[in-house]
């Protein structure tokens, strides 16, 4: 697809390809290439919009991959825990970032509104973690409190508090 060179040009995060978790995830995606094909085909109508929003905000291009992990780019995805939409917003977080939910409309399933809210949320957490995008991405998945507690726990034990050393789910 012609968008991928454009996306790759926006990648900004340093990768640690030696990290065990990184290798495990890459291997899973290699073995499950049909999942990626379905996700990217489903996301195809939204990719240029999302990339444009990321570029406008000068954010890392890697953020375009979050919906692959969260929902396989399915705007109608629901999790057993109550998250919904392509970006998998929980109801409270969705309201906090301006996504309306009522009987007829759920902004978590609105691609434009939820993308903007997700990027707002990511920028807010990134400020909280002093510009550390790896902490931010972990917090998007596990919650900022979980990440903060893991950092503090490692510091108390005299261990490294870099992302790859944290005991995170």
N, C-alpha and C. Protein backbone atom coordinates (compact mmCIF):
# COMPACT_ATOMS: atom_id res chain seq x y z
N UNK A 1 0.85 -1.18 0.00
CA UNK A 1 0.00 0.00 0.00
C UNK A 1 0.89 1.24 0.00
N UNK A 2 0.53 2.25 -0.77
CA UNK A 2 1.40 3.43 -0.90
C UNK A 2 1.55 4.27 0.37
N UNK A 3 0.73 4.07 1.38
CA UNK A 3 0.87 4.88 2.59
C UNK A 3 2.06 4.46 3.45
N UNK A 4 2.49 3.22 3.39
CA UNK A 4 3.49 2.73 4.34
C UNK A 4 4.84 3.44 4.27
N UNK A 5 5.34 3.79 3.09
CA UNK A 5 6.57 4.60 3.09
C UNK A 5 6.37 5.96 3.78
N UNK A 6 5.17 6.53 3.64
CA UNK A 6 4.87 7.81 4.30
C UNK A 6 4.81 7.62 5.81
N UNK A 7 4.22 6.54 6.26
CA UNK A 7 4.15 6.24 7.69
C UNK A 7 5.55 6.02 8.24
N UNK A 8 6.31 5.19 7.57
CA UNK A 8 7.66 4.85 8.03
C UNK A 8 8.53 6.11 8.15
N UNK A 9 8.34 7.05 7.25
CA UNK A 9 9.10 8.30 7.30
C UNK A 9 8.80 9.11 8.56
N UNK A 10 7.65 8.84 9.19
CA UNK A 10 7.25 9.56 10.41
C UNK A 10 7.64 8.82 11.68
N UNK A 11 8.21 7.63 11.56
CA UNK A 11 8.62 6.88 12.76
C UNK A 11 9.70 7.65 13.48
N UNK A 12 9.56 7.76 14.80
CA UNK A 12 10.49 8.55 15.60
C UNK A 12 11.02 7.82 16.82
N UNK A 13 10.45 6.69 17.16
CA UNK A 13 10.82 6.01 18.39
C UNK A 13 12.01 5.08 18.17
N UNK A 14 12.91 5.11 19.14
CA UNK A 14 14.06 4.22 19.10
C UNK A 14 13.57 2.81 19.43
N UNK A 15 13.98 1.86 18.62
CA UNK A 15 13.55 0.48 18.83
C UNK A 15 14.64 -0.31 19.55
N UNK A 16 14.21 -1.20 20.41
CA UNK A 16 15.12 -2.10 21.09
C UNK A 16 14.81 -3.50 20.58
N UNK A 17 15.37 -3.83 19.44
CA UNK A 17 15.04 -5.11 18.81
C UNK A 17 15.64 -6.29 19.56
N UNK A 18 16.46 -6.02 20.57
CA UNK A 18 17.01 -7.11 21.38
C UNK A 18 16.11 -7.47 22.54
N UNK A 19 15.13 -6.67 22.82
CA UNK A 19 14.23 -6.94 23.94
C UNK A 19 13.43 -8.21 23.65
N UNK A 20 13.32 -9.06 24.65
CA UNK A 20 12.62 -10.34 24.50
C UNK A 20 11.17 -10.13 24.05
N UNK A 21 10.49 -9.18 24.67
CA UNK A 21 9.08 -8.94 24.34
C UNK A 21 8.92 -8.50 22.89
N UNK A 22 9.84 -7.70 22.43
CA UNK A 22 9.79 -7.21 21.05
C UNK A 22 9.83 -8.40 20.10
N UNK A 23 10.78 -9.29 20.32
CA UNK A 23 10.93 -10.46 19.45
C UNK A 23 9.69 -11.35 19.50
N UNK A 24 9.12 -11.53 20.70
CA UNK A 24 7.91 -12.34 20.83
C UNK A 24 6.75 -11.76 20.03
N UNK A 25 6.58 -10.45 20.11
CA UNK A 25 5.49 -9.80 19.37
C UNK A 25 5.71 -9.89 17.86
N UNK A 26 6.93 -9.63 17.42
CA UNK A 26 7.23 -9.72 15.99
C UNK A 26 6.95 -11.13 15.48
N UNK A 27 7.37 -12.13 16.24
CA UNK A 27 7.12 -13.51 15.83
C UNK A 27 5.63 -13.82 15.75
N UNK A 28 4.84 -13.28 16.72
CA UNK A 28 3.40 -13.52 16.67
C UNK A 28 2.81 -12.94 15.39
N UNK A 29 3.21 -11.71 15.05
CA UNK A 29 2.67 -11.09 13.83
C UNK A 29 3.14 -11.80 12.58
N UNK A 30 4.36 -12.33 12.58
CA UNK A 30 4.83 -13.10 11.43
C UNK A 30 3.99 -14.36 11.25
N UNK A 31 3.67 -15.02 12.34
CA UNK A 31 2.88 -16.26 12.28
C UNK A 31 1.41 -15.98 11.98
N UNK A 32 0.96 -14.77 12.24
CA UNK A 32 -0.44 -14.40 12.07
C UNK A 32 -0.60 -13.28 11.06
N UNK A 33 0.03 -13.43 9.92
CA UNK A 33 0.01 -12.36 8.91
C UNK A 33 -1.40 -12.07 8.42
N UNK A 34 -2.30 -13.05 8.49
CA UNK A 34 -3.69 -12.80 8.09
C UNK A 34 -4.34 -11.74 8.98
N UNK A 35 -3.97 -11.72 10.27
CA UNK A 35 -4.49 -10.71 11.18
C UNK A 35 -4.09 -9.32 10.69
N UNK A 36 -2.81 -9.16 10.35
CA UNK A 36 -2.34 -7.85 9.86
C UNK A 36 -3.02 -7.47 8.56
N UNK A 37 -3.15 -8.42 7.65
CA UNK A 37 -3.82 -8.13 6.38
C UNK A 37 -5.25 -7.66 6.62
N UNK A 38 -5.98 -8.36 7.48
CA UNK A 38 -7.37 -7.95 7.78
C UNK A 38 -7.40 -6.58 8.43
N UNK A 39 -6.50 -6.36 9.39
CA UNK A 39 -6.47 -5.08 10.10
C UNK A 39 -6.19 -3.93 9.14
N UNK A 40 -5.18 -4.09 8.30
CA UNK A 40 -4.82 -2.99 7.41
C UNK A 40 -5.86 -2.79 6.31
N UNK A 41 -6.47 -3.86 5.85
CA UNK A 41 -7.56 -3.70 4.87
C UNK A 41 -8.74 -2.97 5.50
N UNK A 42 -9.05 -3.31 6.75
CA UNK A 42 -10.15 -2.64 7.45
C UNK A 42 -9.79 -1.18 7.71
N UNK A 43 -8.54 -0.92 8.04
CA UNK A 43 -8.10 0.44 8.35
C UNK A 43 -7.83 1.31 7.14
N UNK A 44 -7.77 0.70 5.99
CA UNK A 44 -7.41 1.43 4.77
C UNK A 44 -8.16 2.75 4.58
N UNK A 45 -9.47 2.80 4.82
CA UNK A 45 -10.17 4.08 4.62
C UNK A 45 -9.76 5.19 5.60
N UNK A 46 -9.10 4.81 6.71
CA UNK A 46 -8.80 5.77 7.77
C UNK A 46 -7.33 6.15 7.85
N UNK A 47 -6.46 5.40 7.20
CA UNK A 47 -5.02 5.56 7.42
C UNK A 47 -4.51 6.95 7.06
N UNK A 48 -4.93 7.50 5.92
CA UNK A 48 -4.44 8.82 5.52
C UNK A 48 -4.91 9.90 6.50
N UNK A 49 -6.17 9.78 6.94
CA UNK A 49 -6.67 10.75 7.92
C UNK A 49 -5.86 10.68 9.21
N UNK A 50 -5.64 9.47 9.73
CA UNK A 50 -4.89 9.31 10.99
C UNK A 50 -3.47 9.82 10.83
N UNK A 51 -2.82 9.46 9.74
CA UNK A 51 -1.45 9.93 9.51
C UNK A 51 -1.41 11.45 9.43
N UNK A 52 -2.37 12.06 8.77
CA UNK A 52 -2.43 13.52 8.67
C UNK A 52 -2.57 14.14 10.06
N UNK A 53 -3.42 13.58 10.91
CA UNK A 53 -3.60 14.09 12.27
C UNK A 53 -2.31 13.96 13.08
N UNK A 54 -1.63 12.85 12.91
CA UNK A 54 -0.36 12.62 13.62
C UNK A 54 0.69 13.64 13.15
N UNK A 55 0.77 13.84 11.85
CA UNK A 55 1.75 14.79 11.31
C UNK A 55 1.46 16.23 11.75
N UNK A 56 0.18 16.62 11.76
CA UNK A 56 -0.20 17.97 12.19
C UNK A 56 0.30 18.26 13.60
N UNK A 57 0.29 17.24 14.43
CA UNK A 57 0.68 17.39 15.83
C UNK A 57 2.16 17.07 16.06
N UNK A 58 2.85 16.68 15.00
CA UNK A 58 4.27 16.31 15.07
C UNK A 58 4.52 15.19 16.07
N UNK A 59 3.65 14.20 16.02
CA UNK A 59 3.75 13.03 16.90
C UNK A 59 4.46 11.90 16.18
N UNK A 60 4.92 10.89 16.91
CA UNK A 60 5.57 9.75 16.27
C UNK A 60 4.60 9.00 15.35
N UNK A 61 5.07 8.67 14.17
CA UNK A 61 4.25 7.94 13.21
C UNK A 61 3.82 6.57 13.71
N UNK A 62 4.55 6.02 14.65
CA UNK A 62 4.21 4.71 15.20
C UNK A 62 2.81 4.67 15.81
N UNK A 63 2.29 5.84 16.18
CA UNK A 63 0.96 5.89 16.80
C UNK A 63 -0.13 5.36 15.88
N UNK A 64 0.11 5.40 14.58
CA UNK A 64 -0.87 4.89 13.62
C UNK A 64 -1.08 3.38 13.79
N UNK A 65 -0.16 2.73 14.48
CA UNK A 65 -0.24 1.28 14.67
C UNK A 65 -1.05 0.88 15.91
N UNK A 66 -1.37 1.82 16.78
CA UNK A 66 -2.12 1.49 18.00
C UNK A 66 -3.44 0.77 17.67
N UNK A 67 -4.23 1.25 16.70
CA UNK A 67 -5.48 0.52 16.41
C UNK A 67 -5.28 -0.90 15.88
N UNK A 68 -4.11 -1.21 15.35
CA UNK A 68 -3.84 -2.59 14.93
C UNK A 68 -3.90 -3.48 16.16
N UNK A 69 -3.26 -3.03 17.22
CA UNK A 69 -3.18 -3.81 18.45
C UNK A 69 -4.49 -3.77 19.22
N UNK A 70 -5.07 -2.58 19.30
CA UNK A 70 -6.27 -2.41 20.13
C UNK A 70 -7.52 -3.06 19.54
N UNK A 71 -7.71 -2.95 18.23
CA UNK A 71 -9.00 -3.36 17.65
C UNK A 71 -8.91 -3.94 16.25
N UNK A 72 -7.71 -4.08 15.72
CA UNK A 72 -7.54 -4.48 14.31
C UNK A 72 -8.29 -3.50 13.40
N UNK A 73 -8.26 -2.22 13.78
CA UNK A 73 -8.89 -1.13 13.03
C UNK A 73 -10.40 -1.31 12.87
N UNK A 74 -11.04 -1.91 13.85
CA UNK A 74 -12.49 -2.10 13.80
C UNK A 74 -13.17 -1.02 14.64
N UNK A 75 -13.85 -0.05 14.01
CA UNK A 75 -14.51 1.01 14.76
C UNK A 75 -15.64 0.49 15.65
N UNK A 76 -16.11 -0.72 15.39
CA UNK A 76 -17.22 -1.28 16.15
C UNK A 76 -16.75 -2.33 17.16
N UNK A 77 -15.45 -2.40 17.39
CA UNK A 77 -14.91 -3.39 18.34
C UNK A 77 -15.32 -3.04 19.76
N UNK A 78 -15.63 -4.07 20.52
CA UNK A 78 -15.92 -3.94 21.95
C UNK A 78 -15.05 -4.94 22.70
N UNK A 79 -14.57 -4.53 23.86
CA UNK A 79 -13.81 -5.45 24.70
C UNK A 79 -14.70 -5.95 25.82
N UNK A 80 -14.38 -7.09 26.39
CA UNK A 80 -15.16 -7.58 27.52
C UNK A 80 -15.13 -6.61 28.71
N UNK A 81 -14.08 -5.78 28.78
CA UNK A 81 -13.97 -4.83 29.88
C UNK A 81 -14.72 -3.53 29.67
N UNK A 82 -15.35 -3.35 28.52
CA UNK A 82 -16.16 -2.16 28.28
C UNK A 82 -15.53 -1.12 27.36
N UNK A 83 -14.32 -1.38 26.87
CA UNK A 83 -13.71 -0.46 25.91
C UNK A 83 -14.39 -0.63 24.56
N UNK A 84 -14.42 0.44 23.78
CA UNK A 84 -15.08 0.37 22.48
C UNK A 84 -14.36 1.22 21.45
N UNK A 85 -14.59 0.85 20.20
CA UNK A 85 -14.07 1.61 19.08
C UNK A 85 -12.68 1.19 18.65
N UNK A 86 -12.25 1.82 17.61
CA UNK A 86 -10.95 1.52 17.01
C UNK A 86 -9.81 1.75 18.00
N UNK A 87 -9.94 2.78 18.83
CA UNK A 87 -8.89 3.14 19.79
C UNK A 87 -9.14 2.54 21.17
N UNK A 88 -10.24 1.81 21.33
CA UNK A 88 -10.60 1.10 22.56
C UNK A 88 -10.63 2.00 23.79
N UNK A 89 -11.49 3.00 23.73
CA UNK A 89 -11.71 3.91 24.85
C UNK A 89 -12.65 3.28 25.87
N UNK A 90 -12.29 3.40 27.14
CA UNK A 90 -13.21 3.08 28.23
C UNK A 90 -14.17 4.27 28.34
N UNK A 91 -15.40 4.03 28.84
CA UNK A 91 -16.38 5.12 28.88
C UNK A 91 -15.90 6.38 29.59
N UNK A 92 -15.30 6.24 30.76
CA UNK A 92 -14.85 7.41 31.52
C UNK A 92 -13.77 8.20 30.81
N UNK A 93 -12.81 7.51 30.23
CA UNK A 93 -11.73 8.18 29.50
C UNK A 93 -12.30 8.87 28.27
N UNK A 94 -13.24 8.21 27.62
CA UNK A 94 -13.88 8.81 26.43
C UNK A 94 -14.55 10.13 26.79
N UNK A 95 -15.32 10.12 27.88
CA UNK A 95 -15.99 11.37 28.31
C UNK A 95 -14.96 12.43 28.66
N UNK A 96 -13.90 12.03 29.35
CA UNK A 96 -12.84 12.97 29.75
C UNK A 96 -12.23 13.68 28.55
N UNK A 97 -12.18 12.98 27.42
CA UNK A 97 -11.59 13.57 26.22
C UNK A 97 -12.63 13.98 25.18
N UNK A 98 -13.85 14.23 25.66
CA UNK A 98 -14.87 14.88 24.84
C UNK A 98 -15.67 13.98 23.93
N UNK A 99 -15.59 12.68 24.10
CA UNK A 99 -16.38 11.79 23.25
C UNK A 99 -17.74 11.56 23.89
N UNK A 100 -18.76 11.98 23.19
CA UNK A 100 -20.12 11.86 23.69
C UNK A 100 -20.61 10.42 23.52
N UNK A 101 -21.44 10.01 24.46
CA UNK A 101 -22.06 8.68 24.40
C UNK A 101 -23.50 8.82 24.87
N UNK A 102 -24.40 8.37 24.05
CA UNK A 102 -25.80 8.33 24.46
C UNK A 102 -26.47 7.15 23.78
N UNK A 103 -27.77 7.11 23.87
CA UNK A 103 -28.52 5.99 23.30
C UNK A 103 -28.32 5.84 21.79
N UNK A 104 -28.09 6.94 21.07
CA UNK A 104 -28.02 6.91 19.62
C UNK A 104 -26.63 7.07 19.04
N UNK A 105 -25.71 7.53 19.86
CA UNK A 105 -24.37 7.84 19.33
C UNK A 105 -23.32 7.47 20.37
N UNK A 106 -22.25 6.86 19.90
CA UNK A 106 -21.11 6.55 20.76
C UNK A 106 -19.87 7.08 20.05
N UNK A 107 -19.34 8.20 20.55
CA UNK A 107 -18.18 8.84 19.93
C UNK A 107 -16.95 7.95 19.89
N UNK A 108 -16.92 6.91 20.71
CA UNK A 108 -15.79 5.99 20.67
C UNK A 108 -15.74 5.24 19.35
N UNK A 109 -16.90 5.13 18.68
CA UNK A 109 -16.97 4.43 17.39
C UNK A 109 -16.88 5.39 16.21
N UNK A 110 -16.81 6.66 16.48
CA UNK A 110 -16.67 7.69 15.44
C UNK A 110 -15.17 7.83 15.14
N UNK A 111 -14.76 7.45 13.94
CA UNK A 111 -13.33 7.40 13.61
C UNK A 111 -12.67 8.77 13.75
N UNK A 112 -13.29 9.81 13.26
CA UNK A 112 -12.69 11.14 13.31
C UNK A 112 -12.60 11.62 14.76
N UNK A 113 -13.73 11.58 15.46
CA UNK A 113 -13.74 12.08 16.85
C UNK A 113 -12.84 11.25 17.75
N UNK A 114 -12.87 9.92 17.62
CA UNK A 114 -12.07 9.08 18.52
C UNK A 114 -10.58 9.18 18.20
N UNK A 115 -10.24 9.39 16.94
CA UNK A 115 -8.82 9.57 16.59
C UNK A 115 -8.29 10.84 17.23
N UNK A 116 -9.03 11.91 17.11
CA UNK A 116 -8.59 13.17 17.72
C UNK A 116 -8.51 13.05 19.24
N UNK A 117 -9.49 12.38 19.83
CA UNK A 117 -9.48 12.18 21.28
C UNK A 117 -8.32 11.29 21.70
N UNK A 118 -8.03 10.24 20.94
CA UNK A 118 -6.92 9.34 21.26
C UNK A 118 -5.60 10.09 21.21
N UNK A 119 -5.43 10.94 20.21
CA UNK A 119 -4.18 11.71 20.11
C UNK A 119 -4.09 12.74 21.24
N UNK A 120 -5.23 13.34 21.61
CA UNK A 120 -5.24 14.24 22.77
C UNK A 120 -4.82 13.48 24.03
N UNK A 121 -5.39 12.30 24.21
CA UNK A 121 -5.09 11.47 25.37
C UNK A 121 -3.61 11.08 25.39
N UNK A 122 -3.08 10.68 24.25
CA UNK A 122 -1.66 10.32 24.16
C UNK A 122 -0.77 11.52 24.46
N UNK A 123 -1.12 12.68 23.95
CA UNK A 123 -0.32 13.87 24.23
C UNK A 123 -0.37 14.23 25.72
N UNK A 124 -1.54 14.09 26.33
CA UNK A 124 -1.67 14.36 27.77
C UNK A 124 -0.78 13.42 28.57
N UNK A 125 -0.86 12.14 28.27
CA UNK A 125 -0.02 11.18 29.00
C UNK A 125 1.46 11.39 28.71
N UNK A 126 1.79 11.79 27.49
CA UNK A 126 3.20 12.01 27.16
C UNK A 126 3.76 13.17 27.97
N UNK A 127 2.96 14.20 28.21
CA UNK A 127 3.40 15.29 29.09
C UNK A 127 3.59 14.77 30.51
N UNK A 128 2.68 13.93 30.96
CA UNK A 128 2.76 13.34 32.30
C UNK A 128 4.06 12.53 32.46
N UNK A 129 4.49 11.88 31.40
CA UNK A 129 5.71 11.06 31.45
C UNK A 129 6.91 11.79 30.84
N UNK A 130 6.87 13.11 30.88
CA UNK A 130 8.01 13.96 30.48
C UNK A 130 8.57 13.61 29.10
N UNK A 131 7.67 13.36 28.16
CA UNK A 131 8.09 13.13 26.78
C UNK A 131 8.55 11.71 26.48
N UNK A 132 8.41 10.79 27.41
CA UNK A 132 8.84 9.40 27.18
C UNK A 132 7.70 8.65 26.49
N UNK A 133 7.87 8.40 25.20
CA UNK A 133 6.82 7.77 24.42
C UNK A 133 6.63 6.30 24.77
N UNK A 134 7.67 5.62 25.20
CA UNK A 134 7.49 4.22 25.58
C UNK A 134 6.63 4.11 26.84
N UNK A 135 6.86 4.98 27.81
CA UNK A 135 5.99 5.01 28.99
C UNK A 135 4.56 5.36 28.56
N UNK A 136 4.44 6.33 27.66
CA UNK A 136 3.13 6.77 27.19
C UNK A 136 2.36 5.63 26.54
N UNK A 137 3.02 4.90 25.67
CA UNK A 137 2.35 3.79 24.99
C UNK A 137 1.96 2.70 25.99
N UNK A 138 2.83 2.43 26.95
CA UNK A 138 2.49 1.45 27.98
C UNK A 138 1.28 1.93 28.79
N UNK A 139 1.24 3.23 29.09
CA UNK A 139 0.13 3.79 29.86
C UNK A 139 -1.16 3.74 29.06
N UNK A 140 -1.09 3.91 27.75
CA UNK A 140 -2.29 3.81 26.92
C UNK A 140 -2.91 2.43 27.09
N UNK A 141 -2.06 1.44 27.20
CA UNK A 141 -2.54 0.06 27.32
C UNK A 141 -2.90 -0.32 28.76
N UNK A 142 -2.02 0.01 29.70
CA UNK A 142 -2.17 -0.50 31.06
C UNK A 142 -2.66 0.55 32.06
N UNK A 143 -2.70 1.80 31.66
CA UNK A 143 -3.07 2.88 32.55
C UNK A 143 -1.85 3.59 33.10
N UNK A 144 -1.95 4.90 33.25
CA UNK A 144 -0.78 5.67 33.70
C UNK A 144 -0.40 5.33 35.13
N UNK A 145 -1.38 5.00 35.97
CA UNK A 145 -1.07 4.62 37.34
C UNK A 145 -0.24 3.35 37.41
N UNK A 146 -0.57 2.38 36.57
CA UNK A 146 0.19 1.12 36.52
C UNK A 146 1.63 1.38 36.13
N UNK A 147 1.82 2.22 35.12
CA UNK A 147 3.18 2.53 34.67
C UNK A 147 3.93 3.32 35.74
N UNK A 148 3.29 4.31 36.33
CA UNK A 148 3.94 5.10 37.37
C UNK A 148 4.35 4.23 38.56
N UNK A 149 3.47 3.33 38.97
CA UNK A 149 3.80 2.43 40.09
C UNK A 149 4.95 1.50 39.73
N UNK A 150 5.00 1.01 38.49
CA UNK A 150 6.10 0.14 38.06
C UNK A 150 7.43 0.90 38.07
N UNK A 151 7.41 2.15 37.63
CA UNK A 151 8.63 2.98 37.64
C UNK A 151 9.10 3.17 39.08
N UNK A 152 8.18 3.57 39.96
CA UNK A 152 8.53 3.81 41.37
C UNK A 152 9.01 2.53 42.05
N UNK A 153 8.36 1.42 41.75
CA UNK A 153 8.76 0.14 42.34
C UNK A 153 10.19 -0.22 41.95
N UNK A 154 10.51 -0.06 40.69
CA UNK A 154 11.88 -0.36 40.23
C UNK A 154 12.89 0.58 40.87
N UNK A 155 12.54 1.86 40.98
CA UNK A 155 13.45 2.82 41.60
C UNK A 155 13.70 2.46 43.06
N UNK A 156 12.64 2.10 43.80
CA UNK A 156 12.79 1.71 45.21
C UNK A 156 13.70 0.51 45.37
N UNK A 157 13.67 -0.38 44.41
CA UNK A 157 14.48 -1.61 44.48
C UNK A 157 15.87 -1.43 43.88
N UNK A 158 16.17 -0.21 43.44
CA UNK A 158 17.48 0.05 42.85
C UNK A 158 17.64 -0.53 41.46
N UNK A 159 16.53 -0.80 40.80
CA UNK A 159 16.56 -1.36 39.44
C UNK A 159 16.37 -0.24 38.42
N UNK A 160 16.70 -0.56 37.20
CA UNK A 160 16.50 0.39 36.11
C UNK A 160 15.02 0.69 35.95
N UNK A 161 14.71 1.93 35.63
CA UNK A 161 13.31 2.29 35.39
C UNK A 161 13.06 2.58 33.91
N UNK A 162 13.98 2.13 33.05
CA UNK A 162 13.70 2.28 31.63
C UNK A 162 12.55 1.33 31.26
N UNK A 163 11.87 1.65 30.20
CA UNK A 163 10.68 0.91 29.80
C UNK A 163 10.91 -0.60 29.75
N UNK A 164 12.02 -1.02 29.15
CA UNK A 164 12.27 -2.45 28.93
C UNK A 164 12.50 -3.21 30.23
N UNK A 165 12.76 -2.50 31.31
CA UNK A 165 13.01 -3.14 32.61
C UNK A 165 11.79 -3.18 33.52
N UNK A 166 10.72 -2.52 33.11
CA UNK A 166 9.54 -2.43 33.98
C UNK A 166 8.71 -3.70 33.97
N UNK A 167 8.19 -4.08 35.13
CA UNK A 167 7.29 -5.22 35.19
C UNK A 167 5.86 -4.80 34.82
N UNK A 168 5.57 -4.80 33.55
CA UNK A 168 4.27 -4.34 33.06
C UNK A 168 3.49 -5.50 32.44
N UNK A 169 2.16 -5.40 32.49
CA UNK A 169 1.37 -6.45 31.83
C UNK A 169 1.51 -6.38 30.32
